[in-house]
Amino acid sequence: MCGNLAILKMYTFPDLQYFLQELQFQRSCNYSCVFFVFFLSFFFFGIILLNVSVELENQYFKKKHSNSLRGQAEK
């Protein structure tokens, strides 16, 4: 019985409420950190995709332009 009372004394209601608030704060902090990491990764992934698409577009137009110049030179 004394052990049960000691456990109940350790976890009184205000302490439990404080513990739950701390747990909720840590969880929200973890969620915000995870969201921030996902945001950064998608941001950099988007920048890389944009650079790749611009580079491919430049190569396509250079090839098309050089082919049209060759066609004009052959005429």
C-alpha atoms as a PDB file:
ATOM      1  CA  MET A   1       0.000   0.000   0.000  1.00  0.00           C
ATOM      2  CA  CYS A   2       2.816   2.395   0.801  1.00  0.00           C
ATOM      3  CA  GLY A   3       4.340   1.830  -2.639  1.00  0.00           C
ATOM      4  CA  ASN A   4       1.044   2.711  -4.317  1.00  0.00           C
ATOM      5  CA  LEU A   5       0.755   5.889  -2.260  1.00  0.00           C
ATOM      6  CA  ALA A   6       4.306   6.857  -3.215  1.00  0.00           C
ATOM      7  CA  ILE A   7       3.469   6.367  -6.887  1.00  0.00           C
ATOM      8  CA  LEU A   8       0.279   8.409  -6.503  1.00  0.00           C
ATOM      9  CA  LYS A   9       2.229  11.099  -4.683  1.00  0.00           C
ATOM     10  CA  MET A  10       4.807  11.161  -7.490  1.00  0.00           C
ATOM     11  CA  TYR A  11       2.129  11.664 -10.137  1.00  0.00           C
ATOM     12  CA  THR A  12      -0.231  14.189  -8.659  1.00  0.00           C
ATOM     13  CA  PHE A  13      -2.607  15.872 -11.092  1.00  0.00           C
ATOM     14  CA  PRO A  14      -0.661  19.132 -11.682  1.00  0.00           C
ATOM     15  CA  ASP A  15       2.555  17.182 -12.302  1.00  0.00           C
ATOM     16  CA  LEU A  16       0.744  14.899 -14.718  1.00  0.00           C
ATOM     17  CA  GLN A  17      -0.732  17.919 -16.469  1.00  0.00           C
ATOM     18  CA  TYR A  18       2.743  19.479 -16.721  1.00  0.00           C
ATOM     19  CA  PHE A  19       4.131  16.193 -18.047  1.00  0.00           C
ATOM     20  CA  LEU A  20       1.397  16.021 -20.696  1.00  0.00           C
ATOM     21  CA  GLN A  21       2.026  19.644 -21.700  1.00  0.00           C
ATOM     22  CA  GLU A  22       5.747  18.934 -22.054  1.00  0.00           C
ATOM     23  CA  LEU A  23       4.992  15.822 -24.084  1.00  0.00           C
ATOM     24  CA  GLN A  24       2.647  17.777 -26.342  1.00  0.00           C
ATOM     25  CA  PHE A  25       5.252  20.546 -26.776  1.00  0.00           C
ATOM     26  CA  GLN A  26       7.930  18.013 -27.721  1.00  0.00           C
ATOM     27  CA  ARG A  27       5.550  16.350 -30.162  1.00  0.00           C
ATOM     28  CA  SER A  28       4.642  19.669 -31.804  1.00  0.00           C
ATOM     29  CA  CYS A  29       8.325  20.602 -31.963  1.00  0.00           C
ATOM     30  CA  ASN A  30       9.091  17.268 -33.607  1.00  0.00           C
ATOM     31  CA  TYR A  31       6.271  17.823 -36.099  1.00  0.00           C
ATOM     32  CA  SER A  32       7.557  21.289 -36.951  1.00  0.00           C
ATOM     33  CA  CYS A  33      11.105  19.971 -37.365  1.00  0.00           C
ATOM     34  CA  VAL A  34       9.885  17.168 -39.637  1.00  0.00           C
ATOM     35  CA  PHE A  35       7.799  19.642 -41.643  1.00  0.00           C
ATOM     36  CA  PHE A  36      10.809  21.962 -41.971  1.00  0.00           C
ATOM     37  CA  VAL A  37      13.057  19.127 -43.182  1.00  0.00           C
ATOM     38  CA  PHE A  38      10.436  18.013 -45.727  1.00  0.00           C
ATOM     39  CA  PHE A  39       9.990  21.599 -46.897  1.00  0.00           C
ATOM     40  CA  LEU A  40      13.729  22.050 -47.397  1.00  0.00           C
ATOM     41  CA  SER A  41      14.105  18.739 -49.206  1.00  0.00           C
ATOM     42  CA  PHE A  42      11.203  19.497 -51.563  1.00  0.00           C
ATOM     43  CA  PHE A  43      12.547  23.015 -52.106  1.00  0.00           C
ATOM     44  CA  PHE A  44      16.002  21.783 -53.117  1.00  0.00           C
ATOM     45  CA  PHE A  45      14.491  18.948 -55.164  1.00  0.00           C
ATOM     46  CA  GLY A  46      12.393  21.538 -57.019  1.00  0.00           C
ATOM     47  CA  ILE A  47      15.446  23.706 -57.693  1.00  0.00           C
ATOM     48  CA  ILE A  48      17.353  20.693 -59.045  1.00  0.00           C
ATOM     49  CA  LEU A  49      14.424  19.708 -61.286  1.00  0.00           C
ATOM     50  CA  LEU A  50      14.120  23.272 -62.546  1.00  0.00           C
ATOM     51  CA  ASN A  51      17.831  23.406 -63.397  1.00  0.00           C
ATOM     52  CA  VAL A  52      17.683  20.053 -65.170  1.00  0.00           C
ATOM     53  CA  SER A  53      14.627  21.057 -67.200  1.00  0.00           C
ATOM     54  CA  VAL A  54      16.195  24.396 -68.196  1.00  0.00           C
ATOM     55  CA  GLU A  55      19.409  22.630 -69.204  1.00  0.00           C
ATOM     56  CA  LEU A  56      17.501  20.078 -71.299  1.00  0.00           C
ATOM     57  CA  GLU A  57      15.507  22.868 -72.919  1.00  0.00           C
ATOM     58  CA  ASN A  58      18.716  24.755 -73.755  1.00  0.00           C
ATOM     59  CA  GLN A  59      20.246  21.651 -75.316  1.00  0.00           C
ATOM     60  CA  TYR A  60      17.085  21.035 -77.340  1.00  0.00           C
ATOM     61  CA  PHE A  61      16.994  24.583 -78.704  1.00  0.00           C
ATOM     62  CA  LYS A  62      20.745  24.596 -79.436  1.00  0.00           C
ATOM     63  CA  LYS A  63      20.343  21.361 -81.387  1.00  0.00           C
ATOM     64  CA  LYS A  64      17.271  22.683 -83.210  1.00  0.00           C
ATOM     65  CA  HIS A  65      19.010  25.997 -83.940  1.00  0.00           C
ATOM     66  CA  SER A  66      22.160  24.309 -85.256  1.00  0.00           C
ATOM     67  CA  ASN A  67      20.044  22.029 -87.477  1.00  0.00           C
ATOM     68  CA  SER A  68      18.184  25.029 -88.904  1.00  0.00           C
ATOM     69  CA  LEU A  69      21.497  26.811 -89.573  1.00  0.00           C
ATOM     70  CA  ARG A  70      22.804  23.724 -91.359  1.00  0.00           C
ATOM     71  CA  GLY A  71      19.665  23.653 -93.487  1.00  0.00           C
ATOM     72  CA  GLN A  72      20.121  27.312 -94.421  1.00  0.00           C
ATOM     73  CA  ALA A  73      23.801  26.787 -95.244  1.00  0.00           C
ATOM     74  CA  GLU A  74      23.017  23.857 -97.540  1.00  0.00           C
ATOM     75  CA  LYS A  75      20.522  25.940 -99.570  1.00  0.00           C
END
